[in-house]
PDB file of N, CA and C in Angstrom:
ATOM      1  N   MET A   1     -34.186   7.027  -2.632  1.00  0.00           N
ATOM      2  CA  MET A   1     -33.209   6.506  -3.569  1.00  0.00           C
ATOM      3  C   MET A   1     -32.159   7.552  -3.936  1.00  0.00           C
ATOM      4  N   ASN A   2     -32.447   8.821  -3.667  1.00  0.00           N
ATOM      5  CA  ASN A   2     -31.518   9.884  -4.033  1.00  0.00           C
ATOM      6  C   ASN A   2     -30.660  10.368  -2.871  1.00  0.00           C
ATOM      7  N   ILE A   3     -30.754   9.700  -1.731  1.00  0.00           N
ATOM      8  CA  ILE A   3     -29.984  10.118  -0.554  1.00  0.00           C
ATOM      9  C   ILE A   3     -29.060   8.985  -0.129  1.00  0.00           C
ATOM     10  N   LEU A   4     -27.758   9.294  -0.076  1.00  0.00           N
ATOM     11  CA  LEU A   4     -26.760   8.336   0.392  1.00  0.00           C
ATOM     12  C   LEU A   4     -26.455   8.650   1.854  1.00  0.00           C
ATOM     13  N   LYS A   5     -26.549   7.656   2.733  1.00  0.00           N
ATOM     14  CA  LYS A   5     -26.214   7.841   4.149  1.00  0.00           C
ATOM     15  C   LYS A   5     -25.030   6.945   4.489  1.00  0.00           C
ATOM     16  N   TRP A   6     -23.966   7.570   4.944  1.00  0.00           N
ATOM     17  CA  TRP A   6     -22.749   6.862   5.342  1.00  0.00           C
ATOM     18  C   TRP A   6     -22.626   6.920   6.860  1.00  0.00           C
ATOM     19  N   TYR A   7     -22.425   5.777   7.479  1.00  0.00           N
ATOM     20  CA  TYR A   7     -22.197   5.690   8.919  1.00  0.00           C
ATOM     21  C   TYR A   7     -20.749   5.283   9.135  1.00  0.00           C
ATOM     22  N   VAL A   8     -19.991   6.121   9.833  1.00  0.00           N
ATOM     23  CA  VAL A   8     -18.569   5.876  10.069  1.00  0.00           C
ATOM     24  C   VAL A   8     -18.332   5.844  11.573  1.00  0.00           C
ATOM     25  N   ASP A   9     -17.579   4.844  12.021  1.00  0.00           N
ATOM     26  CA  ASP A   9     -17.231   4.758  13.437  1.00  0.00           C
ATOM     27  C   ASP A   9     -15.799   4.270  13.559  1.00  0.00           C
ATOM     28  N   VAL A  10     -15.160   4.614  14.653  1.00  0.00           N
ATOM     29  CA  VAL A  10     -13.759   4.279  14.883  1.00  0.00           C
ATOM     30  C   VAL A  10     -13.598   3.706  16.281  1.00  0.00           C
ATOM     31  N   SER A  11     -12.777   2.685  16.389  1.00  0.00           N
ATOM     32  CA  SER A  11     -12.351   2.163  17.689  1.00  0.00           C
ATOM     33  C   SER A  11     -10.937   2.670  17.921  1.00  0.00           C
ATOM     34  N   PHE A  12     -10.760   3.429  18.990  1.00  0.00           N
ATOM     35  CA  PHE A  12      -9.499   4.117  19.248  1.00  0.00           C
ATOM     36  C   PHE A  12      -8.447   3.179  19.840  1.00  0.00           C
ATOM     37  N   ALA A  13      -7.266   3.128  19.214  1.00  0.00           N
ATOM     38  CA  ALA A  13      -6.066   2.432  19.704  1.00  0.00           C
ATOM     39  C   ALA A  13      -6.333   0.977  20.095  1.00  0.00           C
ATOM     40  N   VAL A  14      -6.958   0.207  19.244  1.00  0.00           N
ATOM     41  CA  VAL A  14      -7.303  -1.178  19.560  1.00  0.00           C
ATOM     42  C   VAL A  14      -6.305  -2.205  19.023  1.00  0.00           C
ATOM     43  N   HIS A  15      -5.402  -1.797  18.151  1.00  0.00           N
ATOM     44  CA  HIS A  15      -4.431  -2.734  17.592  1.00  0.00           C
ATOM     45  C   HIS A  15      -3.162  -2.771  18.456  1.00  0.00           C
ATOM     46  N   PRO A  16      -2.362  -3.839  18.361  1.00  0.00           N
ATOM     47  CA  PRO A  16      -1.148  -3.953  19.187  1.00  0.00           C
ATOM     48  C   PRO A  16      -0.172  -2.788  19.020  1.00  0.00           C
ATOM     49  N   ASP A  17      -0.158  -2.153  17.845  1.00  0.00           N
ATOM     50  CA  ASP A  17       0.720  -0.998  17.622  1.00  0.00           C
ATOM     51  C   ASP A  17       0.018   0.325  17.964  1.00  0.00           C
ATOM     52  N   PHE A  18      -1.107   0.241  18.671  1.00  0.00           N
ATOM     53  CA  PHE A  18      -1.896   1.383  19.144  1.00  0.00           C
ATOM     54  C   PHE A  18      -2.509   2.216  18.030  1.00  0.00           C
ATOM     55  N   LYS A  19      -2.681   1.628  16.874  1.00  0.00           N
ATOM     56  CA  LYS A  19      -3.408   2.308  15.810  1.00  0.00           C
ATOM     57  C   LYS A  19      -4.900   2.009  15.982  1.00  0.00           C
ATOM     58  N   SER A  20      -5.719   2.904  15.471  1.00  0.00           N
ATOM     59  CA  SER A  20      -7.173   2.754  15.591  1.00  0.00           C
ATOM     60  C   SER A  20      -7.729   1.969  14.415  1.00  0.00           C
ATOM     61  N   HIS A  21      -9.009   1.649  14.473  1.00  0.00           N
ATOM     62  CA  HIS A  21      -9.665   0.863  13.432  1.00  0.00           C
ATOM     63  C   HIS A  21     -10.908   1.612  12.957  1.00  0.00           C
ATOM     64  N   THR A  22     -11.053   1.744  11.632  1.00  0.00           N
ATOM     65  CA  THR A  22     -12.172   2.460  11.031  1.00  0.00           C
ATOM     66  C   THR A  22     -13.148   1.484  10.388  1.00  0.00           C
ATOM     67  N   GLY A  23     -14.425   1.746  10.580  1.00  0.00           N
ATOM     68  CA  GLY A  23     -15.466   0.979   9.906  1.00  0.00           C
ATOM     69  C   GLY A  23     -16.507   1.921   9.350  1.00  0.00           C
ATOM     70  N   GLY A  24     -17.053   1.569   8.195  1.00  0.00           N
ATOM     71  CA  GLY A  24     -18.065   2.421   7.593  1.00  0.00           C
ATOM     72  C   GLY A  24     -19.015   1.613   6.731  1.00  0.00           C
ATOM     73  N   VAL A  25     -20.225   2.138   6.566  1.00  0.00           N
ATOM     74  CA  VAL A  25     -21.237   1.445   5.768  1.00  0.00           C
ATOM     75  C   VAL A  25     -22.102   2.488   5.053  1.00  0.00           C
ATOM     76  N   LEU A  26     -22.512   2.159   3.824  1.00  0.00           N
ATOM     77  CA  LEU A  26     -23.424   2.990   3.046  1.00  0.00           C
ATOM     78  C   LEU A  26     -24.788   2.334   3.000  1.00  0.00           C
ATOM     79  N   THR A  27     -25.824   3.148   3.204  1.00  0.00           N
ATOM     80  CA  THR A  27     -27.196   2.672   3.052  1.00  0.00           C
ATOM     81  C   THR A  27     -27.993   3.717   2.287  1.00  0.00           C
ATOM     82  N   MET A  28     -28.969   3.252   1.555  1.00  0.00           N
ATOM     83  CA  MET A  28     -29.892   4.151   0.868  1.00  0.00           C
ATOM     84  C   MET A  28     -31.306   3.942   1.417  1.00  0.00           C
ATOM     85  N   GLY A  29     -31.382   3.518   2.661  1.00  0.00           N
ATOM     86  CA  GLY A  29     -32.656   3.306   3.324  1.00  0.00           C
ATOM     87  C   GLY A  29     -32.819   1.901   3.880  1.00  0.00           C
ATOM     88  N   HIS A  30     -32.453   0.881   3.099  1.00  0.00           N
ATOM     89  CA  HIS A  30     -32.608  -0.501   3.532  1.00  0.00           C
ATOM     90  C   HIS A  30     -31.326  -1.274   3.249  1.00  0.00           C
ATOM     91  N   GLY A  31     -30.757  -1.889   4.275  1.00  0.00           N
ATOM     92  CA  GLY A  31     -29.584  -2.738   4.093  1.00  0.00           C
ATOM     93  C   GLY A  31     -28.306  -1.955   3.842  1.00  0.00           C
ATOM     94  N   ALA A  32     -27.223  -2.689   3.802  1.00  0.00           N
ATOM     95  CA  ALA A  32     -25.905  -2.110   3.565  1.00  0.00           C
ATOM     96  C   ALA A  32     -25.497  -2.382   2.123  1.00  0.00           C
ATOM     97  N   LEU A  33     -25.166  -1.320   1.393  1.00  0.00           N
ATOM     98  CA  LEU A  33     -24.742  -1.473   0.010  1.00  0.00           C
ATOM     99  C   LEU A  33     -23.228  -1.636  -0.109  1.00  0.00           C
ATOM    100  N   ILE A  34     -22.498  -0.833   0.662  1.00  0.00           N
ATOM    101  CA  ILE A  34     -21.040  -0.883   0.663  1.00  0.00           C
ATOM    102  C   ILE A  34     -20.591  -0.827   2.117  1.00  0.00           C
ATOM    103  N   SER A  35     -19.596  -1.627   2.453  1.00  0.00           N
ATOM    104  CA  SER A  35     -19.017  -1.541   3.793  1.00  0.00           C
ATOM    105  C   SER A  35     -17.502  -1.620   3.693  1.00  0.00           C
ATOM    106  N   MET A  36     -16.840  -1.036   4.688  1.00  0.00           N
ATOM    107  CA  MET A  36     -15.394  -1.052   4.731  1.00  0.00           C
ATOM    108  C   MET A  36     -14.953  -1.125   6.184  1.00  0.00           C
ATOM    109  N   SER A  37     -13.908  -1.899   6.439  1.00  0.00           N
ATOM    110  CA  SER A  37     -13.343  -2.015   7.774  1.00  0.00           C
ATOM    111  C   SER A  37     -11.849  -2.215   7.624  1.00  0.00           C
ATOM    112  N   ARG A  38     -11.059  -1.327   8.250  1.00  0.00           N
ATOM    113  CA  ARG A  38      -9.601  -1.470   8.152  1.00  0.00           C
ATOM    114  C   ARG A  38      -8.882  -0.685   9.244  1.00  0.00           C
ATOM    115  N   GLN A  39      -7.638  -1.086   9.447  1.00  0.00           N
ATOM    116  CA  GLN A  39      -6.776  -0.413  10.411  1.00  0.00           C
ATOM    117  C   GLN A  39      -6.339   0.922   9.834  1.00  0.00           C
ATOM    118  N   GLN A  40      -6.293   1.951  10.685  1.00  0.00           N
ATOM    119  CA  GLN A  40      -5.817   3.249  10.227  1.00  0.00           C
ATOM    120  C   GLN A  40      -4.313   3.197   9.997  1.00  0.00           C
ATOM    121  N   LYS A  41      -3.836   4.031   9.087  1.00  0.00           N
ATOM    122  CA  LYS A  41      -2.427   4.006   8.718  1.00  0.00           C
ATOM    123  C   LYS A  41      -1.547   4.852   9.632  1.00  0.00           C
ATOM    124  N   LEU A  42      -2.147   5.677  10.478  1.00  0.00           N
ATOM    125  CA  LEU A  42      -1.337   6.489  11.373  1.00  0.00           C
ATOM    126  C   LEU A  42      -1.880   6.438  12.792  1.00  0.00           C
ATOM    127  N   LYS A  43      -1.021   6.785  13.721  1.00  0.00           N
ATOM    128  CA  LYS A  43      -1.413   6.794  15.130  1.00  0.00           C
ATOM    129  C   LYS A  43      -1.995   8.153  15.480  1.00  0.00           C
ATOM    130  N   THR A  44      -3.014   8.140  16.321  1.00  0.00           N
ATOM    131  CA  THR A  44      -3.642   9.377  16.756  1.00  0.00           C
ATOM    132  C   THR A  44      -3.546   9.487  18.272  1.00  0.00           C
ATOM    133  N   ARG A  45      -3.682  10.698  18.783  1.00  0.00           N
ATOM    134  CA  ARG A  45      -3.521  10.930  20.216  1.00  0.00           C
ATOM    135  C   ARG A  45      -4.797  10.740  21.024  1.00  0.00           C
ATOM    136  N   ASN A  46      -5.949  10.919  20.365  1.00  0.00           N
ATOM    137  CA  ASN A  46      -7.209  10.798  21.096  1.00  0.00           C
ATOM    138  C   ASN A  46      -8.317  10.341  20.157  1.00  0.00           C
ATOM    139  N   ALA A  47      -9.477  10.083  20.722  1.00  0.00           N
ATOM    140  CA  ALA A  47     -10.603   9.561  19.945  1.00  0.00           C
ATOM    141  C   ALA A  47     -11.096  10.569  18.914  1.00  0.00           C
ATOM    142  N   CYS A  48     -11.033  11.849  19.222  1.00  0.00           N
ATOM    143  CA  CYS A  48     -11.478  12.870  18.278  1.00  0.00           C
ATOM    144  C   CYS A  48     -10.618  12.835  17.018  1.00  0.00           C
ATOM    145  N   GLU A  49      -9.306  12.793  17.194  1.00  0.00           N
ATOM    146  CA  GLU A  49      -8.403  12.706  16.040  1.00  0.00           C
ATOM    147  C   GLU A  49      -8.658  11.425  15.259  1.00  0.00           C
ATOM    148  N   ALA A  50      -8.848  10.316  15.965  1.00  0.00           N
ATOM    149  CA  ALA A  50      -9.086   9.033  15.303  1.00  0.00           C
ATOM    150  C   ALA A  50     -10.371   9.072  14.474  1.00  0.00           C
ATOM    151  N   GLU A  51     -11.425   9.693  15.009  1.00  0.00           N
ATOM    152  CA  GLU A  51     -12.686   9.812  14.274  1.00  0.00           C
ATOM    153  C   GLU A  51     -12.519  10.684  13.035  1.00  0.00           C
ATOM    154  N   LEU A  52     -11.751  11.762  13.148  1.00  0.00           N
ATOM    155  CA  LEU A  52     -11.520  12.633  11.998  1.00  0.00           C
ATOM    156  C   LEU A  52     -10.710  11.918  10.924  1.00  0.00           C
ATOM    157  N   VAL A  53      -9.701  11.159  11.336  1.00  0.00           N
ATOM    158  CA  VAL A  53      -8.911  10.373  10.386  1.00  0.00           C
ATOM    159  C   VAL A  53      -9.793   9.320   9.723  1.00  0.00           C
ATOM    160  N   GLY A  54     -10.680   8.691  10.501  1.00  0.00           N
ATOM    161  CA  GLY A  54     -11.596   7.701   9.943  1.00  0.00           C
ATOM    162  C   GLY A  54     -12.537   8.310   8.919  1.00  0.00           C
ATOM    163  N   ALA A  55     -13.069   9.490   9.220  1.00  0.00           N
ATOM    164  CA  ALA A  55     -13.947  10.176   8.264  1.00  0.00           C
ATOM    165  C   ALA A  55     -13.180  10.541   7.000  1.00  0.00           C
ATOM    166  N   ASP A  56     -11.941  10.986   7.169  1.00  0.00           N
ATOM    167  CA  ASP A  56     -11.119  11.320   6.003  1.00  0.00           C
ATOM    168  C   ASP A  56     -10.810  10.075   5.176  1.00  0.00           C
ATOM    169  N   ASP A  57     -10.500   8.971   5.834  1.00  0.00           N
ATOM    170  CA  ASP A  57     -10.233   7.718   5.108  1.00  0.00           C
ATOM    171  C   ASP A  57     -11.459   7.271   4.311  1.00  0.00           C
ATOM    172  N   MET A  58     -12.634   7.413   4.884  1.00  0.00           N
ATOM    173  CA  MET A  58     -13.869   7.012   4.210  1.00  0.00           C
ATOM    174  C   MET A  58     -14.292   8.007   3.135  1.00  0.00           C
ATOM    175  N   SER A  59     -13.830   9.244   3.228  1.00  0.00           N
ATOM    176  CA  SER A  59     -14.281  10.274   2.293  1.00  0.00           C
ATOM    177  C   SER A  59     -13.945   9.942   0.844  1.00  0.00           C
ATOM    178  N   ILE A  60     -12.870   9.236   0.623  1.00  0.00           N
ATOM    179  CA  ILE A  60     -12.510   8.840  -0.737  1.00  0.00           C
ATOM    180  C   ILE A  60     -13.595   7.936  -1.310  1.00  0.00           C
ATOM    181  N   LEU A  61     -14.020   6.953  -0.547  1.00  0.00           N
ATOM    182  CA  LEU A  61     -15.073   6.045  -0.978  1.00  0.00           C
ATOM    183  C   LEU A  61     -16.419   6.764  -1.087  1.00  0.00           C
ATOM    184  N   ILE A  62     -16.676   7.700  -0.180  1.00  0.00           N
ATOM    185  CA  ILE A  62     -17.916   8.468  -0.195  1.00  0.00           C
ATOM    186  C   ILE A  62     -18.025   9.279  -1.490  1.00  0.00           C
ATOM    187  N   LEU A  63     -16.962   9.989  -1.828  1.00  0.00           N
ATOM    188  CA  LEU A  63     -16.988  10.801  -3.050  1.00  0.00           C
ATOM    189  C   LEU A  63     -17.017   9.944  -4.305  1.00  0.00           C
ATOM    190  N   TRP A  64     -16.234   8.867  -4.316  1.00  0.00           N
ATOM    191  CA  TRP A  64     -16.198   8.000  -5.497  1.00  0.00           C
ATOM    192  C   TRP A  64     -17.572   7.408  -5.779  1.00  0.00           C
ATOM    193  N   THR A  65     -18.261   6.946  -4.733  1.00  0.00           N
ATOM    194  CA  THR A  65     -19.582   6.336  -4.907  1.00  0.00           C
ATOM    195  C   THR A  65     -20.575   7.340  -5.475  1.00  0.00           C
ATOM    196  N   LYS A  66     -20.556   8.566  -4.956  1.00  0.00           N
ATOM    197  CA  LYS A  66     -21.460   9.607  -5.457  1.00  0.00           C
ATOM    198  C   LYS A  66     -21.190   9.871  -6.932  1.00  0.00           C
ATOM    199  N   LEU A  67     -19.931  10.065  -7.292  1.00  0.00           N
ATOM    200  CA  LEU A  67     -19.581  10.345  -8.685  1.00  0.00           C
ATOM    201  C   LEU A  67     -19.915   9.167  -9.598  1.00  0.00           C
ATOM    202  N   PHE A  68     -19.710   7.952  -9.116  1.00  0.00           N
ATOM    203  CA  PHE A  68     -20.015   6.754  -9.892  1.00  0.00           C
ATOM    204  C   PHE A  68     -21.516   6.646 -10.186  1.00  0.00           C
ATOM    205  N   LEU A  69     -22.338   6.844  -9.154  1.00  0.00           N
ATOM    206  CA  LEU A  69     -23.782   6.761  -9.334  1.00  0.00           C
ATOM    207  C   LEU A  69     -24.300   7.868 -10.256  1.00  0.00           C
ATOM    208  N   GLU A  70     -23.729   9.063 -10.131  1.00  0.00           N
ATOM    209  CA  GLU A  70     -24.120  10.155 -11.027  1.00  0.00           C
ATOM    210  C   GLU A  70     -23.723   9.855 -12.468  1.00  0.00           C
ATOM    211  N   GLU A  71     -22.575   9.235 -12.662  1.00  0.00           N
ATOM    212  CA  GLU A  71     -22.139   8.865 -14.005  1.00  0.00           C
ATOM    213  C   GLU A  71     -23.069   7.812 -14.614  1.00  0.00           C
ATOM    214  N   LEU A  72     -23.650   6.963 -13.775  1.00  0.00           N
ATOM    215  CA  LEU A  72     -24.607   5.967 -14.248  1.00  0.00           C
ATOM    216  C   LEU A  72     -25.982   6.569 -14.558  1.00  0.00           C
ATOM    217  N   GLY A  73     -26.183   7.836 -14.207  1.00  0.00           N
ATOM    218  CA  GLY A  73     -27.439   8.502 -14.523  1.00  0.00           C
ATOM    219  C   GLY A  73     -28.349   8.747 -13.339  1.00  0.00           C
ATOM    220  N   TYR A  74     -27.936   8.351 -12.144  1.00  0.00           N
ATOM    221  CA  TYR A  74     -28.750   8.593 -10.946  1.00  0.00           C
ATOM    222  C   TYR A  74     -28.516  10.014 -10.438  1.00  0.00           C
ATOM    223  N   THR A  75     -29.558  10.624  -9.913  1.00  0.00           N
ATOM    224  CA  THR A  75     -29.438  11.942  -9.303  1.00  0.00           C
ATOM    225  C   THR A  75     -29.263  11.752  -7.800  1.00  0.00           C
ATOM    226  N   ILE A  76     -28.187  12.281  -7.271  1.00  0.00           N
ATOM    227  CA  ILE A  76     -27.918  12.186  -5.833  1.00  0.00           C
ATOM    228  C   ILE A  76     -28.188  13.559  -5.224  1.00  0.00           C
ATOM    229  N   ASP A  77     -29.237  13.648  -4.413  1.00  0.00           N
ATOM    230  CA  ASP A  77     -29.607  14.916  -3.792  1.00  0.00           C
ATOM    231  C   ASP A  77     -28.721  15.241  -2.589  1.00  0.00           C
ATOM    232  N   ARG A  78     -28.456  14.219  -1.760  1.00  0.00           N
ATOM    233  CA  ARG A  78     -27.653  14.434  -0.554  1.00  0.00           C
ATOM    234  C   ARG A  78     -26.727  13.256  -0.329  1.00  0.00           C
ATOM    235  N   ASN A  79     -25.528  13.558   0.136  1.00  0.00           N
ATOM    236  CA  ASN A  79     -24.520  12.559   0.474  1.00  0.00           C
ATOM    237  C   ASN A  79     -24.151  12.829   1.938  1.00  0.00           C
ATOM    238  N   ILE A  80     -24.723  12.083   2.866  1.00  0.00           N
ATOM    239  CA  ILE A  80     -24.660  12.396   4.296  1.00  0.00           C
ATOM    240  C   ILE A  80     -23.642  11.508   5.010  1.00  0.00           C
ATOM    241  N   LEU A  81     -22.798  12.142   5.825  1.00  0.00           N
ATOM    242  CA  LEU A  81     -21.839  11.426   6.666  1.00  0.00           C
ATOM    243  C   LEU A  81     -22.321  11.520   8.106  1.00  0.00           C
ATOM    244  N   LYS A  82     -22.512  10.375   8.757  1.00  0.00           N
ATOM    245  CA  LYS A  82     -22.976  10.350  10.144  1.00  0.00           C
ATOM    246  C   LYS A  82     -21.879   9.770  11.035  1.00  0.00           C
ATOM    247  N   GLN A  83     -21.683  10.418  12.191  1.00  0.00           N
ATOM    248  CA  GLN A  83     -20.708   9.975  13.178  1.00  0.00           C
ATOM    249  C   GLN A  83     -21.326  10.040  14.560  1.00  0.00           C
ATOM    250  N   ASP A  84     -20.632   9.439  15.542  1.00  0.00           N
ATOM    251  CA  ASP A  84     -21.168   9.448  16.900  1.00  0.00           C
ATOM    252  C   ASP A  84     -20.262  10.161  17.901  1.00  0.00           C
ATOM    253  N   ASN A  85     -19.172  10.761  17.444  1.00  0.00           N
ATOM    254  CA  ASN A  85     -18.248  11.438  18.339  1.00  0.00           C
ATOM    255  C   ASN A  85     -18.560  12.936  18.354  1.00  0.00           C
ATOM    256  N   LYS A  86     -19.012  13.451  19.485  1.00  0.00           N
ATOM    257  CA  LYS A  86     -19.457  14.837  19.593  1.00  0.00           C
ATOM    258  C   LYS A  86     -18.346  15.832  19.268  1.00  0.00           C
ATOM    259  N   ALA A  87     -17.137  15.578  19.756  1.00  0.00           N
ATOM    260  CA  ALA A  87     -16.027  16.500  19.497  1.00  0.00           C
ATOM    261  C   ALA A  87     -15.704  16.578  18.006  1.00  0.00           C
ATOM    262  N   THR A  88     -15.747  15.451  17.323  1.00  0.00           N
ATOM    263  CA  THR A  88     -15.465  15.443  15.889  1.00  0.00           C
ATOM    264  C   THR A  88     -16.563  16.143  15.112  1.00  0.00           C
ATOM    265  N   ILE A  89     -17.813  15.934  15.504  1.00  0.00           N
ATOM    266  CA  ILE A  89     -18.929  16.606  14.842  1.00  0.00           C
ATOM    267  C   ILE A  89     -18.798  18.122  15.008  1.00  0.00           C
ATOM    268  N   LEU A  90     -18.441  18.584  16.219  1.00  0.00           N
ATOM    269  CA  LEU A  90     -18.239  20.013  16.443  1.00  0.00           C
ATOM    270  C   LEU A  90     -17.086  20.540  15.601  1.00  0.00           C
ATOM    271  N   LEU A  91     -16.011  19.783  15.501  1.00  0.00           N
ATOM    272  CA  LEU A  91     -14.865  20.191  14.697  1.00  0.00           C
ATOM    273  C   LEU A  91     -15.255  20.328  13.231  1.00  0.00           C
ATOM    274  N   GLU A  92     -16.034  19.384  12.727  1.00  0.00           N
ATOM    275  CA  GLU A  92     -16.423  19.410  11.318  1.00  0.00           C
ATOM    276  C   GLU A  92     -17.444  20.501  11.009  1.00  0.00           C
ATOM    277  N   THR A  93     -18.270  20.879  11.977  1.00  0.00           N
ATOM    278  CA  THR A  93     -19.289  21.893  11.714  1.00  0.00           C
ATOM    279  C   THR A  93     -18.850  23.306  12.126  1.00  0.00           C
ATOM    280  N   ASN A  94     -18.156  23.444  13.260  1.00  0.00           N
ATOM    281  CA  ASN A  94     -17.774  24.765  13.752  1.00  0.00           C
ATOM    282  C   ASN A  94     -16.367  25.189  13.352  1.00  0.00           C
ATOM    283  N   GLY A  95     -15.573  24.260  12.895  1.00  0.00           N
ATOM    284  CA  GLY A  95     -14.209  24.603  12.504  1.00  0.00           C
ATOM    285  C   GLY A  95     -13.234  24.512  13.660  1.00  0.00           C
ATOM    286  N   ARG A  96     -12.060  25.062  13.455  1.00  0.00           N
ATOM    287  CA  ARG A  96     -10.975  24.980  14.427  1.00  0.00           C
ATOM    288  C   ARG A  96     -11.287  25.664  15.745  1.00  0.00           C
ATOM    289  N   LYS A  97     -12.220  26.595  15.776  1.00  0.00           N
ATOM    290  CA  LYS A  97     -12.508  27.314  17.022  1.00  0.00           C
ATOM    291  C   LYS A  97     -13.104  26.418  18.099  1.00  0.00           C
ATOM    292  N   SER A  98     -13.553  25.216  17.734  1.00  0.00           N
ATOM    293  CA  SER A  98     -14.184  24.336  18.723  1.00  0.00           C
ATOM    294  C   SER A  98     -13.209  23.339  19.343  1.00  0.00           C
ATOM    295  N   VAL A  99     -11.922  23.412  18.993  1.00  0.00           N
ATOM    296  CA  VAL A  99     -10.928  22.496  19.563  1.00  0.00           C
ATOM    297  C   VAL A  99      -9.745  23.275  20.099  1.00  0.00           C
ATOM    298  N   GLY A 100      -8.902  22.574  20.845  1.00  0.00           N
ATOM    299  CA  GLY A 100      -7.736  23.213  21.442  1.00  0.00           C
ATOM    300  C   GLY A 100      -6.485  23.085  20.587  1.00  0.00           C
ATOM    301  N   LYS A 101      -5.354  23.416  21.198  1.00  0.00           N
ATOM    302  CA  LYS A 101      -4.075  23.407  20.490  1.00  0.00           C
ATOM    303  C   LYS A 101      -3.546  22.007  20.231  1.00  0.00           C
ATOM    304  N   ARG A 102      -4.009  21.014  20.950  1.00  0.00           N
ATOM    305  CA  ARG A 102      -3.471  19.660  20.826  1.00  0.00           C
ATOM    306  C   ARG A 102      -3.825  19.011  19.493  1.00  0.00           C
ATOM    307  N   ASN A 103      -4.804  19.527  18.778  1.00  0.00           N
ATOM    308  CA  ASN A 103      -5.237  18.928  17.526  1.00  0.00           C
ATOM    309  C   ASN A 103      -4.613  19.592  16.300  1.00  0.00           C
ATOM    310  N   ARG A 104      -3.569  20.391  16.492  1.00  0.00           N
ATOM    311  CA  ARG A 104      -3.018  21.117  15.353  1.00  0.00           C
ATOM    312  C   ARG A 104      -2.344  20.206  14.344  1.00  0.00           C
ATOM    313  N   ALA A 105      -1.948  18.990  14.729  1.00  0.00           N
ATOM    314  CA  ALA A 105      -1.266  18.081  13.817  1.00  0.00           C
ATOM    315  C   ALA A 105      -2.182  17.509  12.740  1.00  0.00           C
ATOM    316  N   ILE A 106      -3.475  17.700  12.865  1.00  0.00           N
ATOM    317  CA  ILE A 106      -4.398  17.127  11.888  1.00  0.00           C
ATOM    318  C   ILE A 106      -5.000  18.187  10.973  1.00  0.00           C
ATOM    319  N   ASN A 107      -4.359  19.334  10.863  1.00  0.00           N
ATOM    320  CA  ASN A 107      -4.865  20.432  10.034  1.00  0.00           C
ATOM    321  C   ASN A 107      -5.125  20.019   8.597  1.00  0.00           C
ATOM    322  N   VAL A 108      -4.195  19.312   7.995  1.00  0.00           N
ATOM    323  CA  VAL A 108      -4.328  18.960   6.581  1.00  0.00           C
ATOM    324  C   VAL A 108      -5.554  18.089   6.354  1.00  0.00           C
ATOM    325  N   ARG A 109      -5.726  17.052   7.158  1.00  0.00           N
ATOM    326  CA  ARG A 109      -6.892  16.184   7.010  1.00  0.00           C
ATOM    327  C   ARG A 109      -8.178  16.939   7.298  1.00  0.00           C
ATOM    328  N   TYR A 110      -8.161  17.810   8.309  1.00  0.00           N
ATOM    329  CA  TYR A 110      -9.355  18.573   8.651  1.00  0.00           C
ATOM    330  C   TYR A 110      -9.783  19.465   7.490  1.00  0.00           C
ATOM    331  N   PHE A 111      -8.855  20.254   6.955  1.00  0.00           N
ATOM    332  CA  PHE A 111      -9.221  21.181   5.890  1.00  0.00           C
ATOM    333  C   PHE A 111      -9.624  20.446   4.611  1.00  0.00           C
ATOM    334  N   PHE A 112      -8.974  19.323   4.319  1.00  0.00           N
ATOM    335  CA  PHE A 112      -9.353  18.535   3.151  1.00  0.00           C
ATOM    336  C   PHE A 112     -10.763  17.986   3.318  1.00  0.00           C
ATOM    337  N   LEU A 113     -11.080  17.465   4.496  1.00  0.00           N
ATOM    338  CA  LEU A 113     -12.409  16.923   4.770  1.00  0.00           C
ATOM    339  C   LEU A 113     -13.459  18.035   4.770  1.00  0.00           C
ATOM    340  N   LEU A 114     -13.132  19.200   5.312  1.00  0.00           N
ATOM    341  CA  LEU A 114     -14.053  20.317   5.349  1.00  0.00           C
ATOM    342  C   LEU A 114     -14.433  20.747   3.943  1.00  0.00           C
ATOM    343  N   ILE A 115     -13.467  20.821   3.036  1.00  0.00           N
ATOM    344  CA  ILE A 115     -13.741  21.204   1.652  1.00  0.00           C
ATOM    345  C   ILE A 115     -14.651  20.176   0.996  1.00  0.00           C
ATOM    346  N   LYS A 116     -14.400  18.879   1.264  1.00  0.00           N
ATOM    347  CA  LYS A 116     -15.228  17.823   0.679  1.00  0.00           C
ATOM    348  C   LYS A 116     -16.662  17.885   1.211  1.00  0.00           C
ATOM    349  N   LEU A 117     -16.824  18.112   2.513  1.00  0.00           N
ATOM    350  CA  LEU A 117     -18.160  18.145   3.100  1.00  0.00           C
ATOM    351  C   LEU A 117     -18.971  19.357   2.612  1.00  0.00           C
ATOM    352  N   GLN A 118     -18.287  20.441   2.310  1.00  0.00           N
ATOM    353  CA  GLN A 118     -18.988  21.618   1.829  1.00  0.00           C
ATOM    354  C   GLN A 118     -19.254  21.580   0.336  1.00  0.00           C
ATOM    355  N   GLY A 119     -18.812  20.505  -0.324  1.00  0.00           N
ATOM    356  CA  GLY A 119     -19.102  20.359  -1.740  1.00  0.00           C
ATOM    357  C   GLY A 119     -18.107  21.016  -2.648  1.00  0.00           C
ATOM    358  N   GLY A 120     -16.913  21.327  -2.140  1.00  0.00           N
ATOM    359  CA  GLY A 120     -15.902  21.981  -2.955  1.00  0.00           C
ATOM    360  C   GLY A 120     -15.218  21.047  -3.940  1.00  0.00           C
ATOM    361  N   MET A 121     -15.404  19.758  -3.793  1.00  0.00           N
ATOM    362  CA  MET A 121     -14.768  18.810  -4.722  1.00  0.00           C
ATOM    363  C   MET A 121     -15.794  17.909  -5.327  1.00  0.00           C
TER     364      MET A 121
END
């Protein structure tokens, strides 16, 4: 009951304007408590960028839910974000050294997400 697990996935460039689609769901062990599905607001060059944008888009809901539950008196031990894109997972855990120069346009989203994942906000 004290662990929030978020599953986020992205379909790359599936809309007519070549924007990607983000979907996410929260579970605390059984069933889906919160879900979200929407078109991304910006175009990305590859699946790694799209996954990072999707994680950043969901991060607002991830943080809000944690803060809301804590305000209600629940203790949240862990707030876990799960993804299936290996390049994005490496980017989020190892930092910029695990990607090339082509991903420099997403610096702001990357650093904002990195601070959130490390508990800085």
